[in-house]
Amino acid sequence: MALMSASLYSLALISLRLFDAQQSQFAADASALACVVAHDDLAREIAEQNFAQIIETKNLGDKCVVVVKANRVVRRAVAVSVDGFDLPTLQR
């Protein structure tokens, strides 16, 4: 019985950690796209709407790197805008 309780507790912790990691990555991706299309303020606003905070942004012309933190999980996303196109892309 104790082993089953410990297993269920571990499974719950792992599930929460996976959820936090996914939420953090969503916030990083959305913020990076907003940063490259618009500006840093919009990226910060989108991160806050996704319950995350921006730790770092680097805007390098047509490339934007964003690092966000949500619930103890830090994730990074890079978005690039190709000259003449309105569709930015994420890079991994």
PDB file of N, CA and C in Angstrom:
ATOM      1  N   MET A   1       0.818  -1.186   0.000  1.00  0.00           N
ATOM      2  CA  MET A   1       0.000   0.000   0.000  1.00  0.00           C
ATOM      3  C   MET A   1       0.870   1.263   0.000  1.00  0.00           C
ATOM      4  N   ALA A   2       1.942   1.217   0.772  1.00  0.00           N
ATOM      5  CA  ALA A   2       2.835   2.372   0.828  1.00  0.00           C
ATOM      6  C   ALA A   2       3.530   2.592  -0.517  1.00  0.00           C
ATOM      7  N   LEU A   3       3.871   1.495  -1.170  1.00  0.00           N
ATOM      8  CA  LEU A   3       4.520   1.600  -2.476  1.00  0.00           C
ATOM      9  C   LEU A   3       3.577   2.211  -3.508  1.00  0.00           C
ATOM     10  N   MET A   4       2.309   1.836  -3.458  1.00  0.00           N
ATOM     11  CA  MET A   4       1.336   2.395  -4.391  1.00  0.00           C
ATOM     12  C   MET A   4       1.125   3.887  -4.119  1.00  0.00           C
ATOM     13  N   SER A   5       1.080   4.273  -2.863  1.00  0.00           N
ATOM     14  CA  SER A   5       0.925   5.684  -2.514  1.00  0.00           C
ATOM     15  C   SER A   5       2.120   6.501  -2.993  1.00  0.00           C
ATOM     16  N   ALA A   6       3.314   5.966  -2.804  1.00  0.00           N
ATOM     17  CA  ALA A   6       4.519   6.663  -3.255  1.00  0.00           C
ATOM     18  C   ALA A   6       4.539   6.784  -4.776  1.00  0.00           C
ATOM     19  N   SER A   7       4.099   5.750  -5.452  1.00  0.00           N
ATOM     20  CA  SER A   7       4.055   5.784  -6.923  1.00  0.00           C
ATOM     21  C   SER A   7       3.061   6.820  -7.424  1.00  0.00           C
ATOM     22  N   LEU A   8       1.887   6.863  -6.816  1.00  0.00           N
ATOM     23  CA  LEU A   8       0.880   7.852  -7.216  1.00  0.00           C
ATOM     24  C   LEU A   8       1.350   9.275  -6.937  1.00  0.00           C
ATOM     25  N   TYR A   9       2.008   9.479  -5.810  1.00  0.00           N
ATOM     26  CA  TYR A   9       2.545  10.798  -5.474  1.00  0.00           C
ATOM     27  C   TYR A   9       3.605  11.216  -6.496  1.00  0.00           C
ATOM     28  N   SER A  10       4.487  10.306  -6.851  1.00  0.00           N
ATOM     29  CA  SER A  10       5.524  10.604  -7.849  1.00  0.00           C
ATOM     30  C   SER A  10       4.912  10.908  -9.206  1.00  0.00           C
ATOM     31  N   LEU A  11       3.900  10.155  -9.578  1.00  0.00           N
ATOM     32  CA  LEU A  11       3.216  10.389 -10.846  1.00  0.00           C
ATOM     33  C   LEU A  11       2.553  11.762 -10.874  1.00  0.00           C
ATOM     34  N   ALA A  12       1.968  12.169  -9.763  1.00  0.00           N
ATOM     35  CA  ALA A  12       1.342  13.492  -9.682  1.00  0.00           C
ATOM     36  C   ALA A  12       2.384  14.593  -9.830  1.00  0.00           C
ATOM     37  N   LEU A  13       3.528  14.437  -9.180  1.00  0.00           N
ATOM     38  CA  LEU A  13       4.588  15.447  -9.291  1.00  0.00           C
ATOM     39  C   LEU A  13       5.132  15.538 -10.714  1.00  0.00           C
ATOM     40  N   ILE A  14       5.328  14.406 -11.348  1.00  0.00           N
ATOM     41  CA  ILE A  14       5.822  14.395 -12.726  1.00  0.00           C
ATOM     42  C   ILE A  14       4.810  15.038 -13.664  1.00  0.00           C
ATOM     43  N   SER A  15       3.538  14.762 -13.452  1.00  0.00           N
ATOM     44  CA  SER A  15       2.492  15.361 -14.291  1.00  0.00           C
ATOM     45  C   SER A  15       2.475  16.874 -14.155  1.00  0.00           C
ATOM     46  N   LEU A  16       2.603  17.369 -12.932  1.00  0.00           N
ATOM     47  CA  LEU A  16       2.634  18.820 -12.725  1.00  0.00           C
ATOM     48  C   LEU A  16       3.857  19.443 -13.386  1.00  0.00           C
ATOM     49  N   ARG A  17       4.978  18.781 -13.281  1.00  0.00           N
ATOM     50  CA  ARG A  17       6.212  19.289 -13.896  1.00  0.00           C
ATOM     51  C   ARG A  17       6.081  19.342 -15.424  1.00  0.00           C
ATOM     52  N   LEU A  18       5.488  18.324 -16.026  1.00  0.00           N
ATOM     53  CA  LEU A  18       5.276  18.319 -17.477  1.00  0.00           C
ATOM     54  C   LEU A  18       4.313  19.419 -17.898  1.00  0.00           C
ATOM     55  N   PHE A  19       3.264  19.630 -17.127  1.00  0.00           N
ATOM     56  CA  PHE A  19       2.314  20.702 -17.420  1.00  0.00           C
ATOM     57  C   PHE A  19       3.002  22.060 -17.344  1.00  0.00           C
ATOM     58  N   ASP A  20       3.813  22.283 -16.300  1.00  0.00           N
ATOM     59  CA  ASP A  20       4.540  23.545 -16.153  1.00  0.00           C
ATOM     60  C   ASP A  20       5.517  23.761 -17.305  1.00  0.00           C
ATOM     61  N   ALA A  21       6.193  22.703 -17.734  1.00  0.00           N
ATOM     62  CA  ALA A  21       7.139  22.818 -18.845  1.00  0.00           C
ATOM     63  C   ALA A  21       6.424  23.186 -20.137  1.00  0.00           C
ATOM     64  N   GLN A  22       5.274  22.577 -20.379  1.00  0.00           N
ATOM     65  CA  GLN A  22       4.516  22.882 -21.594  1.00  0.00           C
ATOM     66  C   GLN A  22       3.980  24.306 -21.560  1.00  0.00           C
ATOM     67  N   GLN A  23       3.483  24.744 -20.408  1.00  0.00           N
ATOM     68  CA  GLN A  23       2.978  26.111 -20.272  1.00  0.00           C
ATOM     69  C   GLN A  23       4.102  27.119 -20.498  1.00  0.00           C
ATOM     70  N   SER A  24       5.266  26.844 -19.963  1.00  0.00           N
ATOM     71  CA  SER A  24       6.407  27.732 -20.135  1.00  0.00           C
ATOM     72  C   SER A  24       6.843  27.794 -21.599  1.00  0.00           C
ATOM     73  N   GLN A  25       6.842  26.661 -22.292  1.00  0.00           N
ATOM     74  CA  GLN A  25       7.235  26.656 -23.709  1.00  0.00           C
ATOM     75  C   GLN A  25       6.218  27.393 -24.572  1.00  0.00           C
ATOM     76  N   PHE A  26       4.926  27.232 -24.279  1.00  0.00           N
ATOM     77  CA  PHE A  26       3.900  27.982 -25.012  1.00  0.00           C
ATOM     78  C   PHE A  26       4.122  29.479 -24.854  1.00  0.00           C
ATOM     79  N   ALA A  27       4.391  29.904 -23.624  1.00  0.00           N
ATOM     80  CA  ALA A  27       4.611  31.327 -23.356  1.00  0.00           C
ATOM     81  C   ALA A  27       5.857  31.830 -24.077  1.00  0.00           C
ATOM     82  N   ALA A  28       6.916  31.034 -24.086  1.00  0.00           N
ATOM     83  CA  ALA A  28       8.150  31.432 -24.766  1.00  0.00           C
ATOM     84  C   ALA A  28       7.937  31.549 -26.268  1.00  0.00           C
ATOM     85  N   ASP A  29       7.260  30.574 -26.865  1.00  0.00           N
ATOM     86  CA  ASP A  29       7.010  30.604 -28.310  1.00  0.00           C
ATOM     87  C   ASP A  29       6.161  31.809 -28.706  1.00  0.00           C
ATOM     88  N   ALA A  30       5.075  32.027 -27.984  1.00  0.00           N
ATOM     89  CA  ALA A  30       4.183  33.143 -28.310  1.00  0.00           C
ATOM     90  C   ALA A  30       4.881  34.484 -28.114  1.00  0.00           C
ATOM     91  N   SER A  31       5.668  34.603 -27.065  1.00  0.00           N
ATOM     92  CA  SER A  31       6.376  35.855 -26.804  1.00  0.00           C
ATOM     93  C   SER A  31       7.450  36.123 -27.850  1.00  0.00           C
ATOM     94  N   ALA A  32       8.142  35.085 -28.282  1.00  0.00           N
ATOM     95  CA  ALA A  32       9.169  35.265 -29.313  1.00  0.00           C
ATOM     96  C   ALA A  32       8.546  35.715 -30.626  1.00  0.00           C
ATOM     97  N   LEU A  33       7.421  35.128 -30.999  1.00  0.00           N
ATOM     98  CA  LEU A  33       6.739  35.549 -32.225  1.00  0.00           C
ATOM     99  C   LEU A  33       6.261  36.992 -32.117  1.00  0.00           C
ATOM    100  N   ALA A  34       5.719  37.365 -30.962  1.00  0.00           N
ATOM    101  CA  ALA A  34       5.269  38.749 -30.769  1.00  0.00           C
ATOM    102  C   ALA A  34       6.442  39.717 -30.801  1.00  0.00           C
ATOM    103  N   CYS A  35       7.558  39.307 -30.253  1.00  0.00           N
ATOM    104  CA  CYS A  35       8.748  40.165 -30.226  1.00  0.00           C
ATOM    105  C   CYS A  35       9.262  40.447 -31.629  1.00  0.00           C
ATOM    106  N   VAL A  36       9.300  39.425 -32.474  1.00  0.00           N
ATOM    107  CA  VAL A  36       9.846  39.612 -33.816  1.00  0.00           C
ATOM    108  C   VAL A  36       8.858  40.345 -34.731  1.00  0.00           C
ATOM    109  N   VAL A  37       7.550  40.181 -34.487  1.00  0.00           N
ATOM    110  CA  VAL A  37       6.547  40.843 -35.320  1.00  0.00           C
ATOM    111  C   VAL A  37       6.305  42.276 -34.865  1.00  0.00           C
ATOM    112  N   ALA A  38       6.215  42.492 -33.556  1.00  0.00           N
ATOM    113  CA  ALA A  38       5.852  43.812 -33.040  1.00  0.00           C
ATOM    114  C   ALA A  38       7.005  44.417 -32.240  1.00  0.00           C
ATOM    115  N   HIS A  39       6.988  44.208 -30.928  1.00  0.00           N
ATOM    116  CA  HIS A  39       8.007  44.811 -30.069  1.00  0.00           C
ATOM    117  C   HIS A  39       8.055  44.081 -28.730  1.00  0.00           C
ATOM    118  N   ASP A  40       9.019  44.462 -27.897  1.00  0.00           N
ATOM    119  CA  ASP A  40       9.234  43.784 -26.617  1.00  0.00           C
ATOM    120  C   ASP A  40       8.052  43.933 -25.664  1.00  0.00           C
ATOM    121  N   ASP A  41       7.374  45.088 -25.706  1.00  0.00           N
ATOM    122  CA  ASP A  41       6.243  45.300 -24.797  1.00  0.00           C
ATOM    123  C   ASP A  41       5.120  44.303 -25.058  1.00  0.00           C
ATOM    124  N   LEU A  42       4.844  44.042 -26.316  1.00  0.00           N
ATOM    125  CA  LEU A  42       3.810  43.061 -26.651  1.00  0.00           C
ATOM    126  C   LEU A  42       4.239  41.661 -26.219  1.00  0.00           C
ATOM    127  N   ALA A  43       5.505  41.355 -26.373  1.00  0.00           N
ATOM    128  CA  ALA A  43       6.018  40.047 -25.933  1.00  0.00           C
ATOM    129  C   ALA A  43       5.843  39.885 -24.430  1.00  0.00           C
ATOM    130  N   ARG A  44       6.127  40.933 -23.682  1.00  0.00           N
ATOM    131  CA  ARG A  44       5.972  40.887 -22.224  1.00  0.00           C
ATOM    132  C   ARG A  44       4.497  40.703 -21.838  1.00  0.00           C
ATOM    133  N   GLU A  45       3.617  41.411 -22.550  1.00  0.00           N
ATOM    134  CA  GLU A  45       2.183  41.302 -22.287  1.00  0.00           C
ATOM    135  C   GLU A  45       1.674  39.877 -22.568  1.00  0.00           C
ATOM    136  N   ILE A  46       2.126  39.300 -23.656  1.00  0.00           N
ATOM    137  CA  ILE A  46       1.705  37.938 -24.003  1.00  0.00           C
ATOM    138  C   ILE A  46       2.239  36.927 -22.986  1.00  0.00           C
ATOM    139  N   ALA A  47       3.452  37.128 -22.523  1.00  0.00           N
ATOM    140  CA  ALA A  47       3.996  36.231 -21.495  1.00  0.00           C
ATOM    141  C   ALA A  47       3.153  36.299 -20.225  1.00  0.00           C
ATOM    142  N   GLU A  48       2.762  37.507 -19.834  1.00  0.00           N
ATOM    143  CA  GLU A  48       1.934  37.660 -18.634  1.00  0.00           C
ATOM    144  C   GLU A  48       0.563  37.014 -18.822  1.00  0.00           C
ATOM    145  N   GLN A  49       0.011  37.099 -20.030  1.00  0.00           N
ATOM    146  CA  GLN A  49      -1.278  36.460 -20.294  1.00  0.00           C
ATOM    147  C   GLN A  49      -1.172  34.936 -20.224  1.00  0.00           C
ATOM    148  N   ASN A  50       0.023  34.414 -20.437  1.00  0.00           N
ATOM    149  CA  ASN A  50       0.268  32.975 -20.334  1.00  0.00           C
ATOM    150  C   ASN A  50       0.830  32.595 -18.964  1.00  0.00           C
ATOM    151  N   PHE A  51       0.670  33.474 -17.983  1.00  0.00           N
ATOM    152  CA  PHE A  51       1.093  33.235 -16.601  1.00  0.00           C
ATOM    153  C   PHE A  51       2.585  32.945 -16.494  1.00  0.00           C
ATOM    154  N   ALA A  52       3.373  33.709 -17.241  1.00  0.00           N
ATOM    155  CA  ALA A  52       4.829  33.565 -17.216  1.00  0.00           C
ATOM    156  C   ALA A  52       5.453  34.949 -17.128  1.00  0.00           C
ATOM    157  N   GLN A  53       6.727  34.971 -16.819  1.00  0.00           N
ATOM    158  CA  GLN A  53       7.451  36.240 -16.807  1.00  0.00           C
ATOM    159  C   GLN A  53       8.680  36.126 -17.697  1.00  0.00           C
ATOM    160  N   ILE A  54       8.962  37.213 -18.398  1.00  0.00           N
ATOM    161  CA  ILE A  54      10.129  37.217 -19.281  1.00  0.00           C
ATOM    162  C   ILE A  54      11.379  37.481 -18.453  1.00  0.00           C
ATOM    163  N   ILE A  55      12.341  36.624 -18.597  1.00  0.00           N
ATOM    164  CA  ILE A  55      13.620  36.786 -17.917  1.00  0.00           C
ATOM    165  C   ILE A  55      14.580  37.580 -18.795  1.00  0.00           C
ATOM    166  N   GLU A  56      14.565  37.285 -20.100  1.00  0.00           N
ATOM    167  CA  GLU A  56      15.515  37.934 -21.010  1.00  0.00           C
ATOM    168  C   GLU A  56      14.932  38.004 -22.416  1.00  0.00           C
ATOM    169  N   THR A  57      15.169  39.131 -23.087  1.00  0.00           N
ATOM    170  CA  THR A  57      14.849  39.248 -24.511  1.00  0.00           C
ATOM    171  C   THR A  57      16.055  39.826 -25.229  1.00  0.00           C
ATOM    172  N   LYS A  58      16.349  39.277 -26.382  1.00  0.00           N
ATOM    173  CA  LYS A  58      17.401  39.806 -27.253  1.00  0.00           C
ATOM    174  C   LYS A  58      16.776  40.018 -28.620  1.00  0.00           C
ATOM    175  N   ASN A  59      16.698  41.259 -29.028  1.00  0.00           N
ATOM    176  CA  ASN A  59      16.142  41.588 -30.334  1.00  0.00           C
ATOM    177  C   ASN A  59      17.304  41.931 -31.255  1.00  0.00           C
ATOM    178  N   LEU A  60      17.593  41.040 -32.188  1.00  0.00           N
ATOM    179  CA  LEU A  60      18.739  41.192 -33.080  1.00  0.00           C
ATOM    180  C   LEU A  60      18.268  41.429 -34.510  1.00  0.00           C
ATOM    181  N   GLY A  61      17.600  42.545 -34.731  1.00  0.00           N
ATOM    182  CA  GLY A  61      17.097  42.855 -36.064  1.00  0.00           C
ATOM    183  C   GLY A  61      15.909  42.002 -36.429  1.00  0.00           C
ATOM    184  N   ASP A  62      16.122  41.026 -37.299  1.00  0.00           N
ATOM    185  CA  ASP A  62      15.027  40.157 -37.728  1.00  0.00           C
ATOM    186  C   ASP A  62      14.949  38.865 -36.908  1.00  0.00           C
ATOM    187  N   LYS A  63      15.652  38.827 -35.785  1.00  0.00           N
ATOM    188  CA  LYS A  63      15.674  37.640 -34.927  1.00  0.00           C
ATOM    189  C   LYS A  63      15.422  38.069 -33.484  1.00  0.00           C
ATOM    190  N   CYS A  64      14.601  37.321 -32.788  1.00  0.00           N
ATOM    191  CA  CYS A  64      14.302  37.643 -31.393  1.00  0.00           C
ATOM    192  C   CYS A  64      14.427  36.378 -30.543  1.00  0.00           C
ATOM    193  N   VAL A  65      15.185  36.479 -29.465  1.00  0.00           N
ATOM    194  CA  VAL A  65      15.375  35.372 -28.531  1.00  0.00           C
ATOM    195  C   VAL A  65      14.695  35.757 -27.218  1.00  0.00           C
ATOM    196  N   VAL A  66      13.823  34.893 -26.729  1.00  0.00           N
ATOM    197  CA  VAL A  66      13.077  35.170 -25.503  1.00  0.00           C
ATOM    198  C   VAL A  66      13.267  34.009 -24.534  1.00  0.00           C
ATOM    199  N   VAL A  67      13.541  34.348 -23.270  1.00  0.00           N
ATOM    200  CA  VAL A  67      13.634  33.358 -22.202  1.00  0.00           C
ATOM    201  C   VAL A  67      12.554  33.698 -21.183  1.00  0.00           C
ATOM    202  N   VAL A  68      11.683  32.744 -20.890  1.00  0.00           N
ATOM    203  CA  VAL A  68      10.596  32.979 -19.938  1.00  0.00           C
ATOM    204  C   VAL A  68      10.643  31.945 -18.818  1.00  0.00           C
ATOM    205  N   LYS A  69       9.975  32.302 -17.720  1.00  0.00           N
ATOM    206  CA  LYS A  69       9.878  31.397 -16.572  1.00  0.00           C
ATOM    207  C   LYS A  69       8.416  31.310 -16.158  1.00  0.00           C
ATOM    208  N   ALA A  70       7.927  30.095 -16.024  1.00  0.00           N
ATOM    209  CA  ALA A  70       6.569  29.853 -15.543  1.00  0.00           C
ATOM    210  C   ALA A  70       6.611  28.697 -14.556  1.00  0.00           C
ATOM    211  N   ASN A  71       6.230  28.964 -13.330  1.00  0.00           N
ATOM    212  CA  ASN A  71       6.164  27.915 -12.306  1.00  0.00           C
ATOM    213  C   ASN A  71       7.464  27.125 -12.182  1.00  0.00           C
ATOM    214  N   ARG A  72       8.553  27.808 -11.970  1.00  0.00           N
ATOM    215  CA  ARG A  72       9.873  27.207 -11.739  1.00  0.00           C
ATOM    216  C   ARG A  72      10.501  26.579 -12.973  1.00  0.00           C
ATOM    217  N   VAL A  73       9.880  26.691 -14.136  1.00  0.00           N
ATOM    218  CA  VAL A  73      10.425  26.101 -15.361  1.00  0.00           C
ATOM    219  C   VAL A  73      10.826  27.225 -16.310  1.00  0.00           C
ATOM    220  N   VAL A  74      12.058  27.188 -16.771  1.00  0.00           N
ATOM    221  CA  VAL A  74      12.582  28.203 -17.690  1.00  0.00           C
ATOM    222  C   VAL A  74      12.672  27.596 -19.085  1.00  0.00           C
ATOM    223  N   ARG A  75      12.163  28.336 -20.070  1.00  0.00           N
ATOM    224  CA  ARG A  75      12.219  27.882 -21.458  1.00  0.00           C
ATOM    225  C   ARG A  75      12.668  29.030 -22.356  1.00  0.00           C
ATOM    226  N   ARG A  76      13.264  28.666 -23.498  1.00  0.00           N
ATOM    227  CA  ARG A  76      13.807  29.623 -24.457  1.00  0.00           C
ATOM    228  C   ARG A  76      13.172  29.374 -25.816  1.00  0.00           C
ATOM    229  N   ALA A  77      12.900  30.471 -26.539  1.00  0.00           N
ATOM    230  CA  ALA A  77      12.374  30.357 -27.902  1.00  0.00           C
ATOM    231  C   ALA A  77      13.037  31.416 -28.770  1.00  0.00           C
ATOM    232  N   VAL A  78      13.248  31.063 -30.032  1.00  0.00           N
ATOM    233  CA  VAL A  78      13.846  31.970 -31.012  1.00  0.00           C
ATOM    234  C   VAL A  78      12.886  32.081 -32.187  1.00  0.00           C
ATOM    235  N   ALA A  79      12.578  33.318 -32.577  1.00  0.00           N
ATOM    236  CA  ALA A  79      11.726  33.549 -33.745  1.00  0.00           C
ATOM    237  C   ALA A  79      12.491  34.409 -34.739  1.00  0.00           C
ATOM    238  N   VAL A  80      12.316  34.098 -36.015  1.00  0.00           N
ATOM    239  CA  VAL A  80      13.014  34.814 -37.085  1.00  0.00           C
ATOM    240  C   VAL A  80      11.992  35.302 -38.090  1.00  0.00           C
ATOM    241  N   SER A  81      12.157  36.538 -38.535  1.00  0.00           N
ATOM    242  CA  SER A  81      11.306  37.095 -39.582  1.00  0.00           C
ATOM    243  C   SER A  81      12.152  37.242 -40.839  1.00  0.00           C
ATOM    244  N   VAL A  82      11.684  36.659 -41.910  1.00  0.00           N
ATOM    245  CA  VAL A  82      12.401  36.732 -43.178  1.00  0.00           C
ATOM    246  C   VAL A  82      12.004  38.026 -43.878  1.00  0.00           C
ATOM    247  N   ASP A  83      12.965  38.749 -44.425  1.00  0.00           N
ATOM    248  CA  ASP A  83      12.692  40.023 -45.090  1.00  0.00           C
ATOM    249  C   ASP A  83      11.644  39.857 -46.178  1.00  0.00           C
ATOM    250  N   GLY A  84      10.648  40.742 -46.139  1.00  0.00           N
ATOM    251  CA  GLY A  84       9.615  40.735 -47.159  1.00  0.00           C
ATOM    252  C   GLY A  84       8.451  39.813 -46.868  1.00  0.00           C
ATOM    253  N   PHE A  85       8.549  39.020 -45.823  1.00  0.00           N
ATOM    254  CA  PHE A  85       7.463  38.107 -45.472  1.00  0.00           C
ATOM    255  C   PHE A  85       6.910  38.482 -44.101  1.00  0.00           C
ATOM    256  N   ASP A  86       5.610  38.341 -43.943  1.00  0.00           N
ATOM    257  CA  ASP A  86       4.978  38.654 -42.668  1.00  0.00           C
ATOM    258  C   ASP A  86       4.875  37.449 -41.750  1.00  0.00           C
ATOM    259  N   LEU A  87       5.306  36.295 -42.202  1.00  0.00           N
ATOM    260  CA  LEU A  87       5.158  35.079 -41.417  1.00  0.00           C
ATOM    261  C   LEU A  87       6.470  34.748 -40.709  1.00  0.00           C
ATOM    262  N   PRO A  88       6.558  35.036 -39.409  1.00  0.00           N
ATOM    263  CA  PRO A  88       7.766  34.674 -38.673  1.00  0.00           C
ATOM    264  C   PRO A  88       7.783  33.176 -38.395  1.00  0.00           C
ATOM    265  N   THR A  89       8.960  32.647 -38.163  1.00  0.00           N
ATOM    266  CA  THR A  89       9.092  31.221 -37.884  1.00  0.00           C
ATOM    267  C   THR A  89       9.834  31.013 -36.580  1.00  0.00           C
ATOM    268  N   LEU A  90       9.506  29.921 -35.904  1.00  0.00           N
ATOM    269  CA  LEU A  90      10.214  29.535 -34.693  1.00  0.00           C
ATOM    270  C   LEU A  90      11.374  28.638 -35.073  1.00  0.00           C
ATOM    271  N   GLN A  91      12.469  28.771 -34.340  1.00  0.00           N
ATOM    272  CA  GLN A  91      13.627  27.909 -34.563  1.00  0.00           C
ATOM    273  C   GLN A  91      13.902  27.124 -33.302  1.00  0.00           C
ATOM    274  N   ARG A  92      14.305  25.896 -33.468  1.00  0.00           N
ATOM    275  CA  ARG A  92      14.660  25.048 -32.318  1.00  0.00           C
ATOM    276  C   ARG A  92      16.116  24.692 -32.400  1.00  0.00           C
TER     277      ARG A  92
END
